[in-house]
Protein backbone atom coordinates (compact mmCIF):
# COMPACT_ATOMS: atom_id res chain seq x y z
CA MET A 1 -7.36 -6.22 18.05
CA PRO A 2 -8.41 -6.51 14.45
CA GLY A 3 -7.40 -9.72 12.53
CA PRO A 4 -4.66 -9.76 9.86
CA ARG A 5 -5.74 -7.91 6.32
CA THR A 6 -6.46 -10.44 3.80
CA THR A 7 -6.77 -7.87 0.93
CA ALA A 8 -3.46 -6.35 1.12
CA ALA A 9 -1.78 -5.49 -2.24
CA PHE A 10 1.67 -4.51 -3.11
CA TYR A 11 4.06 -4.23 -5.79
CA ALA A 12 7.71 -5.55 -5.31
CA ALA A 13 10.39 -5.29 -7.77
CA PRO A 14 13.87 -3.96 -8.18
CA VAL A 15 13.93 -0.34 -8.83
CA GLU A 16 15.13 -0.87 -12.49
CA ALA A 17 12.43 -3.28 -13.10
CA PHE A 18 9.86 -0.82 -11.63
CA LEU A 19 11.12 2.02 -13.73
CA SER A 20 10.89 -0.03 -16.98
CA ALA A 21 7.61 -1.92 -16.17
CA SER A 22 4.37 -0.64 -17.95
CA GLU A 23 1.70 0.78 -15.88
CA GLU A 24 -0.40 -2.36 -16.12
CA GLU A 25 2.51 -4.47 -15.14
CA VAL A 26 2.57 -2.18 -11.92
CA TYR A 27 -1.24 -2.04 -11.31
CA ALA A 28 -2.17 -5.68 -11.90
CA PRO A 29 -0.56 -6.93 -8.57
CA LEU A 30 -2.11 -4.15 -6.84
CA ALA A 31 -5.63 -4.79 -8.17
CA SER A 32 -5.64 -8.66 -8.13
CA PRO A 33 -6.44 -8.96 -4.16
CA HIS A 34 -9.42 -6.79 -5.03
CA GLY A 35 -10.55 -9.00 -7.88
CA TYR A 36 -10.22 -5.97 -10.42
CA THR A 37 -13.21 -4.22 -9.17
CA LEU A 38 -11.55 -1.30 -7.49
CA ALA A 39 -13.13 2.15 -6.79
CA PRO A 40 -12.63 4.60 -9.54
CA GLU A 41 -11.08 6.90 -6.96
CA GLN A 42 -8.37 4.22 -6.08
CA GLN A 43 -7.48 3.75 -9.74
CA SER A 44 -7.12 7.45 -10.06
CA ALA A 45 -5.10 7.79 -7.29
CA TRP A 46 -2.57 5.29 -8.36
CA ARG A 47 -2.63 7.01 -11.72
CA LEU A 48 -1.62 10.16 -10.30
CA GLN A 49 0.95 8.53 -7.93
CA LEU A 50 2.77 6.29 -10.28
CA PRO A 51 4.48 9.23 -12.33
CA VAL A 52 5.51 10.93 -9.09
CA LEU A 53 7.21 7.94 -7.61
CA ARG A 54 8.95 7.03 -10.84
CA ALA A 55 10.16 10.60 -11.16
CA ALA A 56 11.47 10.47 -7.53
CA LEU A 57 13.17 7.06 -8.07
CA GLU A 58 14.66 8.24 -11.21
CA GLU A 59 16.31 11.06 -9.52
CA LEU A 60 17.93 8.79 -7.11
CA VAL A 61 19.11 6.35 -9.44
CA ALA A 62 20.63 8.65 -12.01
CA PRO A 63 23.51 9.78 -9.94
CA ALA A 64 24.33 6.39 -8.73
CA LYS A 65 24.45 5.40 -12.68
CA ARG A 66 27.03 8.16 -13.40
CA CYS A 67 29.28 7.36 -10.39
CA GLN A 68 29.52 3.48 -11.28
CA PRO A 69 33.08 2.67 -13.10
CA PRO A 70 32.55 1.01 -16.32
CA PHE A 71 33.67 -2.25 -15.21
CA ALA A 72 30.89 -2.42 -12.27
CA GLY A 73 29.03 -5.53 -12.52
CA ARG A 74 31.39 -7.49 -14.66
CA ARG A 75 32.77 -10.71 -13.42
CA ARG A 76 36.49 -10.40 -12.44
CA ARG A 77 38.85 -12.35 -14.67
CA HIS A 78 41.89 -14.03 -13.54
CA GLY A 79 45.02 -14.74 -15.41
CA PRO A 80 45.59 -18.29 -16.75
CA GLY A 81 46.17 -20.73 -14.09
CA ARG A 82 45.43 -18.37 -11.43
CA ARG A 83 42.59 -18.41 -8.90
CA PRO A 84 41.20 -15.77 -6.44
CA GLY A 85 43.38 -15.74 -3.37
CA SER A 86 46.44 -17.47 -4.90
């Protein structure tokens, strides 16, 4: 049984952060375990795959944005002297 991979690389961020990140901000954590000495083929693959992934995620996120009510994400305000549950 092989041991754990020590050169694993990944990018983790919320979808909105990924969509607004620059290419370099996405590539840096992928390349860092390899010491920035990646094969040109790997770099080329990422450069081809990133736009495809972003386009797919934008298609998924766009309908959700249109469906959110205008107050989504805002903190609910309670009247003077009122507390939630009272």
